[in-house]
Amino acid sequence: MPTCKALWRSACWSVIALSAVCAYAGPDDNGVQMNGVAANGVSQRSVGTSAGLKDSAAQAVTAPHAATPAAVSPRLIALADPNLASTAAKRQQLTYLVRCALSEDITLYADHGTERFTFQGRMGLAPRWLSEAMTLSEERWVSACLLAHVNYWGKHVMVSMRATPPPVSALEASDDEQQDFAIFEGGFFGNLFAPTPVAYTCRGDRTPAQAEDPIFQDRVCTQETGATTADGKPITYCRFLATGRCEDATSLTVDGTPYTEVIFTYLHPSTR
């Protein structure tokens, strides 16, 4: 049975992207630098990087898709380095990374004393990460997934995550899901694994009534703060760089780099 290995540029995991994703340290910690995120980003130079987040730590919950015809028992795979799950903060980070990168038939685990911590795959955006490094496209897909899960307030909010075209079935939405989650929040993209990590968001088109929906009190990552970087790029509450309207194709090209690995999020109208 294969094991997972990981090399991280930041040994203490004080990474802006993952700190923001988990929101465990509060919204003001490790804010976005000039380039969108702090310079000590995640590295996955070695084979089979292992990480992810526990369901109990999720800040955004993806909308349920159609059930698979038959349930598959996940494969249990031990983390090569149990220290990657030695603290609550590390386990939060592992939960989301595994959730985004690996498929639902994979469960990573680490034993600490009498406790076993498990990390369940779900999206399958980089399933080969157990045995080889991610491609550039996979880095971007996993980054988009992590960013789409960020919640400034650390709240659990149900969202529908989609892509056009979807690279995996988890990013497809049924007709019912599209009808139920009808408010276009925005798009999330970037590369948190690059030597200089970047995190971007575009804002979805909404009707005036949708824009006033209370759901946007709980999801603010596409909302600009009024602050900008030194070169004038707007910063959102989640410390991402705002690139414009998602409907404008130019908003998905930043500093001459086009991004096709974008996850768009849709929200359920508030019942409050």
C-alpha atoms as a PDB file:
ATOM      1  CA  MET A   1       0.000   0.000   0.000  1.00  0.00           C
ATOM      2  CA  PRO A   2       1.450   3.406  -0.940  1.00  0.00           C
ATOM      3  CA  THR A   3       2.148   6.055   1.634  1.00  0.00           C
ATOM      4  CA  CYS A   4       2.052   9.823   1.320  1.00  0.00           C
ATOM      5  CA  LYS A   5       5.003  12.148   1.541  1.00  0.00           C
ATOM      6  CA  ALA A   6       5.163  15.914   1.663  1.00  0.00           C
ATOM      7  CA  LEU A   7       7.755  18.653   1.484  1.00  0.00           C
ATOM      8  CA  TRP A   8       6.542  22.090   2.498  1.00  0.00           C
ATOM      9  CA  ARG A   9       8.377  25.334   2.077  1.00  0.00           C
ATOM     10  CA  SER A  10       6.928  26.449   5.416  1.00  0.00           C
ATOM     11  CA  ALA A  11       7.770  23.888   8.089  1.00  0.00           C
ATOM     12  CA  CYS A  12       5.344  25.367  10.588  1.00  0.00           C
ATOM     13  CA  TRP A  13       2.536  25.525   7.973  1.00  0.00           C
ATOM     14  CA  SER A  14       2.058  29.248   8.520  1.00  0.00           C
ATOM     15  CA  VAL A  15       0.754  29.650   5.001  1.00  0.00           C
ATOM     16  CA  ILE A  16      -1.615  32.455   4.123  1.00  0.00           C
ATOM     17  CA  ALA A  17      -3.693  30.304   1.817  1.00  0.00           C
ATOM     18  CA  LEU A  18      -4.303  27.521   4.273  1.00  0.00           C
ATOM     19  CA  SER A  19      -4.643  29.828   7.251  1.00  0.00           C
ATOM     20  CA  ALA A  20      -7.346  31.690   5.361  1.00  0.00           C
ATOM     21  CA  VAL A  21      -9.011  28.523   4.196  1.00  0.00           C
ATOM     22  CA  CYS A  22      -9.255  27.126   7.690  1.00  0.00           C
ATOM     23  CA  ALA A  23      -9.978  30.485   9.328  1.00  0.00           C
ATOM     24  CA  TYR A  24      -8.905  28.961  12.632  1.00  0.00           C
ATOM     25  CA  ALA A  25      -6.670  31.874  13.562  1.00  0.00           C
ATOM     26  CA  GLY A  26      -9.117  34.632  12.707  1.00  0.00           C
ATOM     27  CA  PRO A  27      -9.648  36.676   9.562  1.00  0.00           C
ATOM     28  CA  ASP A  28      -6.861  39.137  10.152  1.00  0.00           C
ATOM     29  CA  ASP A  29      -3.960  36.704  10.413  1.00  0.00           C
ATOM     30  CA  ASN A  30      -1.453  36.371   7.550  1.00  0.00           C
ATOM     31  CA  GLY A  31      -3.100  38.854   5.216  1.00  0.00           C
ATOM     32  CA  VAL A  32      -2.514  39.109   1.503  1.00  0.00           C
ATOM     33  CA  GLN A  33       0.721  40.673   0.444  1.00  0.00           C
ATOM     34  CA  MET A  34       1.336  42.626  -2.766  1.00  0.00           C
ATOM     35  CA  ASN A  35       1.212  39.489  -4.855  1.00  0.00           C
ATOM     36  CA  GLY A  36      -2.031  38.208  -3.399  1.00  0.00           C
ATOM     37  CA  VAL A  37      -0.729  35.893  -0.700  1.00  0.00           C
ATOM     38  CA  ALA A  38       2.291  35.701   1.554  1.00  0.00           C
ATOM     39  CA  ALA A  39       5.561  34.623  -0.011  1.00  0.00           C
ATOM     40  CA  ASN A  40       5.920  31.396   1.974  1.00  0.00           C
ATOM     41  CA  GLY A  41       3.389  29.368   0.006  1.00  0.00           C
ATOM     42  CA  VAL A  42       2.771  25.652  -0.161  1.00  0.00           C
ATOM     43  CA  SER A  43       5.249  23.493  -2.035  1.00  0.00           C
ATOM     44  CA  GLN A  44       4.552  20.048  -3.443  1.00  0.00           C
ATOM     45  CA  ARG A  45       7.881  19.188  -5.001  1.00  0.00           C
ATOM     46  CA  SER A  46       7.891  15.642  -3.699  1.00  0.00           C
ATOM     47  CA  VAL A  47       5.770  12.681  -4.636  1.00  0.00           C
ATOM     48  CA  GLY A  48       2.328  12.289  -3.145  1.00  0.00           C
ATOM     49  CA  THR A  49       1.731  15.360  -1.031  1.00  0.00           C
ATOM     50  CA  SER A  50      -0.839  14.555   1.607  1.00  0.00           C
ATOM     51  CA  ALA A  51      -3.168  17.066   3.149  1.00  0.00           C
ATOM     52  CA  GLY A  52      -6.808  17.963   3.653  1.00  0.00           C
ATOM     53  CA  LEU A  53      -9.443  18.935   6.224  1.00  0.00           C
ATOM     54  CA  LYS A  54     -11.906  17.251   8.555  1.00  0.00           C
ATOM     55  CA  ASP A  55     -15.622  17.663   7.887  1.00  0.00           C
ATOM     56  CA  SER A  56     -16.047  19.229  11.322  1.00  0.00           C
ATOM     57  CA  ALA A  57     -13.621  21.983  10.336  1.00  0.00           C
ATOM     58  CA  ALA A  58     -15.243  22.888   7.038  1.00  0.00           C
ATOM     59  CA  GLN A  59     -16.058  26.550   6.556  1.00  0.00           C
ATOM     60  CA  ALA A  60     -17.993  26.013   3.349  1.00  0.00           C
ATOM     61  CA  VAL A  61     -20.018  22.942   2.546  1.00  0.00           C
ATOM     62  CA  THR A  62     -20.459  21.867  -1.041  1.00  0.00           C
ATOM     63  CA  ALA A  63     -23.968  21.195  -2.192  1.00  0.00           C
ATOM     64  CA  PRO A  64     -24.833  17.507  -2.442  1.00  0.00           C
ATOM     65  CA  HIS A  65     -24.669  16.030  -5.917  1.00  0.00           C
ATOM     66  CA  ALA A  66     -26.464  12.975  -7.172  1.00  0.00           C
ATOM     67  CA  ALA A  67     -25.474   9.871  -5.249  1.00  0.00           C
ATOM     68  CA  THR A  68     -23.239   7.369  -6.954  1.00  0.00           C
ATOM     69  CA  PRO A  69     -24.929   4.099  -7.928  1.00  0.00           C
ATOM     70  CA  ALA A  70     -22.960   2.061  -5.402  1.00  0.00           C
ATOM     71  CA  ALA A  71     -21.030   3.128  -2.334  1.00  0.00           C
ATOM     72  CA  VAL A  72     -17.323   2.384  -2.416  1.00  0.00           C
ATOM     73  CA  SER A  73     -15.390   1.683   0.763  1.00  0.00           C
ATOM     74  CA  PRO A  74     -12.501   4.157   0.935  1.00  0.00           C
ATOM     75  CA  ARG A  75      -8.943   2.869   0.862  1.00  0.00           C
ATOM     76  CA  LEU A  76      -7.136   3.662   4.093  1.00  0.00           C
ATOM     77  CA  ILE A  77      -3.649   5.031   3.448  1.00  0.00           C
ATOM     78  CA  ALA A  78      -1.277   6.011   6.219  1.00  0.00           C
ATOM     79  CA  LEU A  79       0.469   9.360   6.168  1.00  0.00           C
ATOM     80  CA  ALA A  80       4.196   8.761   5.784  1.00  0.00           C
ATOM     81  CA  ASP A  81       4.834  11.542   8.297  1.00  0.00           C
ATOM     82  CA  PRO A  82       2.245  11.512  11.122  1.00  0.00           C
ATOM     83  CA  ASN A  83       3.588  14.887  12.288  1.00  0.00           C
ATOM     84  CA  LEU A  84       1.636  16.433   9.434  1.00  0.00           C
ATOM     85  CA  ALA A  85      -1.438  15.775  11.577  1.00  0.00           C
ATOM     86  CA  SER A  86       0.081  16.432  14.995  1.00  0.00           C
ATOM     87  CA  THR A  87      -1.904  19.588  15.834  1.00  0.00           C
ATOM     88  CA  ALA A  88      -5.462  20.775  15.364  1.00  0.00           C
ATOM     89  CA  ALA A  89      -4.303  23.490  12.962  1.00  0.00           C
ATOM     90  CA  LYS A  90      -2.390  21.015  10.804  1.00  0.00           C
ATOM     91  CA  ARG A  91      -5.345  18.641  10.786  1.00  0.00           C
ATOM     92  CA  GLN A  92      -7.637  21.417   9.590  1.00  0.00           C
ATOM     93  CA  GLN A  93      -5.282  22.158   6.738  1.00  0.00           C
ATOM     94  CA  LEU A  94      -4.943  18.493   5.875  1.00  0.00           C
ATOM     95  CA  THR A  95      -8.701  18.083   5.775  1.00  0.00           C
ATOM     96  CA  TYR A  96      -9.292  20.665   3.070  1.00  0.00           C
ATOM     97  CA  LEU A  97      -6.306  19.739   0.973  1.00  0.00           C
ATOM     98  CA  VAL A  98      -7.265  16.069   0.922  1.00  0.00           C
ATOM     99  CA  ARG A  99     -10.880  16.979   0.275  1.00  0.00           C
ATOM    100  CA  CYS A 100      -9.937  18.993  -2.784  1.00  0.00           C
ATOM    101  CA  ALA A 101      -7.084  16.904  -4.185  1.00  0.00           C
ATOM    102  CA  LEU A 102      -8.069  13.282  -3.671  1.00  0.00           C
ATOM    103  CA  SER A 103     -11.107  11.266  -4.689  1.00  0.00           C
ATOM    104  CA  GLU A 104     -13.735   9.961  -2.301  1.00  0.00           C
ATOM    105  CA  ASP A 105     -12.360   6.421  -2.436  1.00  0.00           C
ATOM    106  CA  ILE A 106      -9.222   7.556  -0.557  1.00  0.00           C
ATOM    107  CA  THR A 107      -8.943   8.167   3.173  1.00  0.00           C
ATOM    108  CA  LEU A 108      -5.629   9.202   4.689  1.00  0.00           C
ATOM    109  CA  TYR A 109      -4.987   8.616   8.362  1.00  0.00           C
ATOM    110  CA  ALA A 110      -2.468   9.339  11.082  1.00  0.00           C
ATOM    111  CA  ASP A 111      -2.223   7.740  14.516  1.00  0.00           C
ATOM    112  CA  HIS A 112      -1.249   9.813  17.543  1.00  0.00           C
ATOM    113  CA  GLY A 113      -1.224   7.839  20.744  1.00  0.00           C
ATOM    114  CA  THR A 114      -4.590   6.150  21.043  1.00  0.00           C
ATOM    115  CA  GLU A 115      -6.270   8.513  18.574  1.00  0.00           C
ATOM    116  CA  ARG A 116      -6.621   8.012  14.840  1.00  0.00           C
ATOM    117  CA  PHE A 117      -7.287  11.043  12.645  1.00  0.00           C
ATOM    118  CA  THR A 118      -8.714  10.479   9.184  1.00  0.00           C
ATOM    119  CA  PHE A 119      -8.849  12.763   6.169  1.00  0.00           C
ATOM    120  CA  GLN A 120     -11.383  11.941   3.481  1.00  0.00           C
ATOM    121  CA  GLY A 121     -10.956  12.685  -0.203  1.00  0.00           C
ATOM    122  CA  ARG A 122     -13.889  14.080  -2.120  1.00  0.00           C
ATOM    123  CA  MET A 123     -13.320  16.297  -5.170  1.00  0.00           C
ATOM    124  CA  GLY A 124     -10.553  14.314  -6.873  1.00  0.00           C
ATOM    125  CA  LEU A 125      -8.884  17.288  -8.532  1.00  0.00           C
ATOM    126  CA  ALA A 126      -5.383  15.782  -8.209  1.00  0.00           C
ATOM    127  CA  PRO A 127      -5.889  12.028  -7.581  1.00  0.00           C
ATOM    128  CA  ARG A 128      -2.355  11.105  -8.622  1.00  0.00           C
ATOM    129  CA  TRP A 129      -0.892  13.199  -5.826  1.00  0.00           C
ATOM    130  CA  LEU A 130      -0.374  10.042  -3.788  1.00  0.00           C
ATOM    131  CA  SER A 131       2.317   8.898  -6.198  1.00  0.00           C
ATOM    132  CA  GLU A 132       3.540  11.941  -8.120  1.00  0.00           C
ATOM    133  CA  ALA A 133       3.667  15.702  -8.019  1.00  0.00           C
ATOM    134  CA  MET A 134       0.744  17.692  -9.328  1.00  0.00           C
ATOM    135  CA  THR A 135       0.824  19.210 -12.768  1.00  0.00           C
ATOM    136  CA  LEU A 136       0.485  22.983 -13.112  1.00  0.00           C
ATOM    137  CA  SER A 137      -3.177  22.575 -14.004  1.00  0.00           C
ATOM    138  CA  GLU A 138      -3.794  20.363 -10.967  1.00  0.00           C
ATOM    139  CA  GLU A 139      -2.086  22.901  -8.723  1.00  0.00           C
ATOM    140  CA  ARG A 140      -4.476  25.523 -10.003  1.00  0.00           C
ATOM    141  CA  TRP A 141      -7.577  23.350  -9.639  1.00  0.00           C
ATOM    142  CA  VAL A 142      -6.715  22.420  -6.062  1.00  0.00           C
ATOM    143  CA  SER A 143      -5.926  26.056  -5.293  1.00  0.00           C
ATOM    144  CA  ALA A 144      -9.282  27.150  -6.713  1.00  0.00           C
ATOM    145  CA  CYS A 145     -11.023  24.551  -4.549  1.00  0.00           C
ATOM    146  CA  LEU A 146      -9.230  25.688  -1.399  1.00  0.00           C
ATOM    147  CA  LEU A 147     -10.034  29.323  -2.080  1.00  0.00           C
ATOM    148  CA  ALA A 148     -13.698  28.558  -2.793  1.00  0.00           C
ATOM    149  CA  HIS A 149     -13.953  26.991   0.679  1.00  0.00           C
ATOM    150  CA  VAL A 150     -12.712  30.085   2.511  1.00  0.00           C
ATOM    151  CA  ASN A 151     -15.117  31.807   4.856  1.00  0.00           C
ATOM    152  CA  TYR A 152     -14.050  35.067   6.473  1.00  0.00           C
ATOM    153  CA  TRP A 153     -16.220  34.417   9.529  1.00  0.00           C
ATOM    154  CA  GLY A 154     -15.371  30.738   9.873  1.00  0.00           C
ATOM    155  CA  LYS A 155     -19.024  29.821   9.300  1.00  0.00           C
ATOM    156  CA  HIS A 156     -20.440  26.722   7.661  1.00  0.00           C
ATOM    157  CA  VAL A 157     -22.270  27.896   4.544  1.00  0.00           C
ATOM    158  CA  MET A 158     -23.692  25.590   1.889  1.00  0.00           C
ATOM    159  CA  VAL A 159     -22.373  26.457  -1.572  1.00  0.00           C
ATOM    160  CA  SER A 160     -22.634  24.946  -5.026  1.00  0.00           C
ATOM    161  CA  MET A 161     -19.202  24.625  -6.660  1.00  0.00           C
ATOM    162  CA  ARG A 162     -19.087  24.444 -10.456  1.00  0.00           C
ATOM    163  CA  ALA A 163     -16.668  24.723 -13.363  1.00  0.00           C
ATOM    164  CA  THR A 164     -17.009  25.162 -17.106  1.00  0.00           C
ATOM    165  CA  PRO A 165     -16.207  22.621 -18.366  1.00  0.00           C
ATOM    166  CA  PRO A 166     -16.074  20.554 -15.170  1.00  0.00           C
ATOM    167  CA  PRO A 167     -12.838  18.545 -14.844  1.00  0.00           C
ATOM    168  CA  VAL A 168     -14.534  16.163 -12.387  1.00  0.00           C
ATOM    169  CA  SER A 169     -18.144  15.176 -11.759  1.00  0.00           C
ATOM    170  CA  ALA A 170     -18.049  16.884  -8.354  1.00  0.00           C
ATOM    171  CA  LEU A 171     -18.042  20.239 -10.175  1.00  0.00           C
ATOM    172  CA  GLU A 172     -21.154  19.462 -12.214  1.00  0.00           C
ATOM    173  CA  ALA A 173     -24.516  20.722 -11.008  1.00  0.00           C
ATOM    174  CA  SER A 174     -27.856  19.046 -11.605  1.00  0.00           C
ATOM    175  CA  ASP A 175     -30.867  21.050 -12.769  1.00  0.00           C
ATOM    176  CA  ASP A 176     -32.274  20.959  -9.247  1.00  0.00           C
ATOM    177  CA  GLU A 177     -29.002  22.192  -7.771  1.00  0.00           C
ATOM    178  CA  GLN A 178     -28.807  25.027 -10.271  1.00  0.00           C
ATOM    179  CA  GLN A 179     -32.339  26.031  -9.380  1.00  0.00           C
ATOM    180  CA  ASP A 180     -31.813  25.821  -5.624  1.00  0.00           C
ATOM    181  CA  PHE A 181     -28.431  27.591  -5.651  1.00  0.00           C
ATOM    182  CA  ALA A 182     -29.295  30.444  -7.961  1.00  0.00           C
ATOM    183  CA  ILE A 183     -27.216  33.340  -6.608  1.00  0.00           C
ATOM    184  CA  PHE A 184     -23.918  33.670  -8.446  1.00  0.00           C
ATOM    185  CA  GLU A 185     -21.320  34.532  -5.828  1.00  0.00           C
ATOM    186  CA  GLY A 186     -18.166  34.549  -7.941  1.00  0.00           C
ATOM    187  CA  GLY A 187     -15.143  32.653  -9.159  1.00  0.00           C
ATOM    188  CA  PHE A 188     -11.945  31.611  -7.391  1.00  0.00           C
ATOM    189  CA  PHE A 189      -8.589  30.886  -8.971  1.00  0.00           C
ATOM    190  CA  GLY A 190      -4.836  31.228  -8.580  1.00  0.00           C
ATOM    191  CA  ASN A 191      -1.932  29.026  -7.543  1.00  0.00           C
ATOM    192  CA  LEU A 192      -1.137  28.535  -3.875  1.00  0.00           C
ATOM    193  CA  PHE A 193       1.692  26.124  -4.713  1.00  0.00           C
ATOM    194  CA  ALA A 194       3.717  28.529  -6.844  1.00  0.00           C
ATOM    195  CA  PRO A 195       7.004  30.035  -5.581  1.00  0.00           C
ATOM    196  CA  THR A 196       5.047  33.274  -5.343  1.00  0.00           C
ATOM    197  CA  PRO A 197       1.504  32.165  -4.424  1.00  0.00           C
ATOM    198  CA  VAL A 198      -1.442  34.081  -5.844  1.00  0.00           C
ATOM    199  CA  ALA A 199      -5.141  34.085  -4.892  1.00  0.00           C
ATOM    200  CA  TYR A 200      -7.769  35.760  -7.065  1.00  0.00           C
ATOM    201  CA  THR A 201     -11.511  36.157  -7.172  1.00  0.00           C
ATOM    202  CA  CYS A 202     -13.981  37.572  -9.662  1.00  0.00           C
ATOM    203  CA  ARG A 203     -17.464  38.697  -8.718  1.00  0.00           C
ATOM    204  CA  GLY A 204     -20.593  37.107 -10.170  1.00  0.00           C
ATOM    205  CA  ASP A 205     -23.446  38.998 -11.757  1.00  0.00           C
ATOM    206  CA  ARG A 206     -26.467  39.408  -9.476  1.00  0.00           C
ATOM    207  CA  THR A 207     -29.828  41.068  -9.581  1.00  0.00           C
ATOM    208  CA  PRO A 208     -30.352  43.977  -7.158  1.00  0.00           C
ATOM    209  CA  ALA A 209     -32.511  41.717  -4.973  1.00  0.00           C
ATOM    210  CA  GLN A 210     -29.865  38.988  -4.952  1.00  0.00           C
ATOM    211  CA  ALA A 211     -27.171  41.491  -4.041  1.00  0.00           C
ATOM    212  CA  GLU A 212     -29.174  42.449  -0.940  1.00  0.00           C
ATOM    213  CA  ASP A 213     -29.686  38.859   0.188  1.00  0.00           C
ATOM    214  CA  PRO A 214     -28.479  38.298   3.788  1.00  0.00           C
ATOM    215  CA  ILE A 215     -26.405  35.333   2.583  1.00  0.00           C
ATOM    216  CA  PHE A 216     -23.751  37.872   1.606  1.00  0.00           C
ATOM    217  CA  GLN A 217     -23.322  38.735   5.282  1.00  0.00           C
ATOM    218  CA  ASP A 218     -21.892  35.235   5.685  1.00  0.00           C
ATOM    219  CA  ARG A 219     -19.929  35.001   2.421  1.00  0.00           C
ATOM    220  CA  VAL A 220     -17.774  38.070   1.838  1.00  0.00           C
ATOM    221  CA  CYS A 221     -14.707  36.774  -0.008  1.00  0.00           C
ATOM    222  CA  THR A 222     -15.714  38.451  -3.278  1.00  0.00           C
ATOM    223  CA  GLN A 223     -16.451  41.782  -1.590  1.00  0.00           C
ATOM    224  CA  GLU A 224     -13.795  44.491  -1.814  1.00  0.00           C
ATOM    225  CA  THR A 225     -12.622  46.271   1.310  1.00  0.00           C
ATOM    226  CA  GLY A 226     -11.643  49.507  -0.413  1.00  0.00           C
ATOM    227  CA  ALA A 227      -7.961  48.786   0.175  1.00  0.00           C
ATOM    228  CA  THR A 228      -5.612  48.079  -2.720  1.00  0.00           C
ATOM    229  CA  THR A 229      -2.157  46.708  -3.319  1.00  0.00           C
ATOM    230  CA  ALA A 230       0.694  49.043  -4.244  1.00  0.00           C
ATOM    231  CA  ASP A 231      -0.117  48.593  -7.920  1.00  0.00           C
ATOM    232  CA  GLY A 232      -3.812  49.317  -7.432  1.00  0.00           C
ATOM    233  CA  LYS A 233      -5.329  45.814  -7.288  1.00  0.00           C
ATOM    234  CA  PRO A 234      -8.429  45.721  -5.042  1.00  0.00           C
ATOM    235  CA  ILE A 235      -8.279  43.464  -1.965  1.00  0.00           C
ATOM    236  CA  THR A 236     -11.284  41.534  -0.668  1.00  0.00           C
ATOM    237  CA  TYR A 237     -12.166  40.711   2.926  1.00  0.00           C
ATOM    238  CA  CYS A 238     -10.549  37.285   2.564  1.00  0.00           C
ATOM    239  CA  ARG A 239      -7.332  38.913   1.363  1.00  0.00           C
ATOM    240  CA  PHE A 240      -7.773  37.790  -2.240  1.00  0.00           C
ATOM    241  CA  LEU A 241      -7.187  40.115  -5.166  1.00  0.00           C
ATOM    242  CA  ALA A 242     -10.366  41.116  -6.991  1.00  0.00           C
ATOM    243  CA  THR A 243     -10.074  40.966 -10.773  1.00  0.00           C
ATOM    244  CA  GLY A 244     -13.488  42.246 -11.868  1.00  0.00           C
ATOM    245  CA  ARG A 245     -16.705  40.659 -13.067  1.00  0.00           C
ATOM    246  CA  CYS A 246     -16.632  36.952 -13.857  1.00  0.00           C
ATOM    247  CA  GLU A 247     -18.688  37.586 -16.992  1.00  0.00           C
ATOM    248  CA  ASP A 248     -15.769  39.613 -18.373  1.00  0.00           C
ATOM    249  CA  ALA A 249     -13.299  37.120 -19.832  1.00  0.00           C
ATOM    250  CA  THR A 250     -10.417  39.503 -19.146  1.00  0.00           C
ATOM    251  CA  SER A 251     -10.986  39.093 -15.402  1.00  0.00           C
ATOM    252  CA  LEU A 252      -9.546  35.576 -15.663  1.00  0.00           C
ATOM    253  CA  THR A 253      -6.222  36.820 -17.011  1.00  0.00           C
ATOM    254  CA  VAL A 254      -3.950  38.422 -14.450  1.00  0.00           C
ATOM    255  CA  ASP A 255      -0.582  40.000 -15.245  1.00  0.00           C
ATOM    256  CA  GLY A 256      -0.632  38.304 -18.633  1.00  0.00           C
ATOM    257  CA  THR A 257      -1.363  34.841 -17.187  1.00  0.00           C
ATOM    258  CA  PRO A 258      -4.697  33.304 -18.279  1.00  0.00           C
ATOM    259  CA  TYR A 259      -6.478  30.975 -15.846  1.00  0.00           C
ATOM    260  CA  THR A 260      -8.856  28.305 -17.091  1.00  0.00           C
ATOM    261  CA  GLU A 261      -8.920  26.435 -13.762  1.00  0.00           C
ATOM    262  CA  VAL A 262     -11.657  28.475 -12.099  1.00  0.00           C
ATOM    263  CA  ILE A 263     -14.264  27.280  -9.619  1.00  0.00           C
ATOM    264  CA  PHE A 264     -17.480  29.275  -9.591  1.00  0.00           C
ATOM    265  CA  THR A 265     -19.645  29.310  -6.475  1.00  0.00           C
ATOM    266  CA  TYR A 266     -23.386  29.713  -6.234  1.00  0.00           C
ATOM    267  CA  LEU A 267     -25.395  30.367  -3.075  1.00  0.00           C
ATOM    268  CA  HIS A 268     -28.822  29.377  -1.830  1.00  0.00           C
ATOM    269  CA  PRO A 269     -31.041  32.392  -1.166  1.00  0.00           C
ATOM    270  CA  SER A 270     -31.277  33.108   2.540  1.00  0.00           C
ATOM    271  CA  THR A 271     -34.359  31.964   4.416  1.00  0.00           C
ATOM    272  CA  ARG A 272     -33.881  34.509   7.181  1.00  0.00           C
END
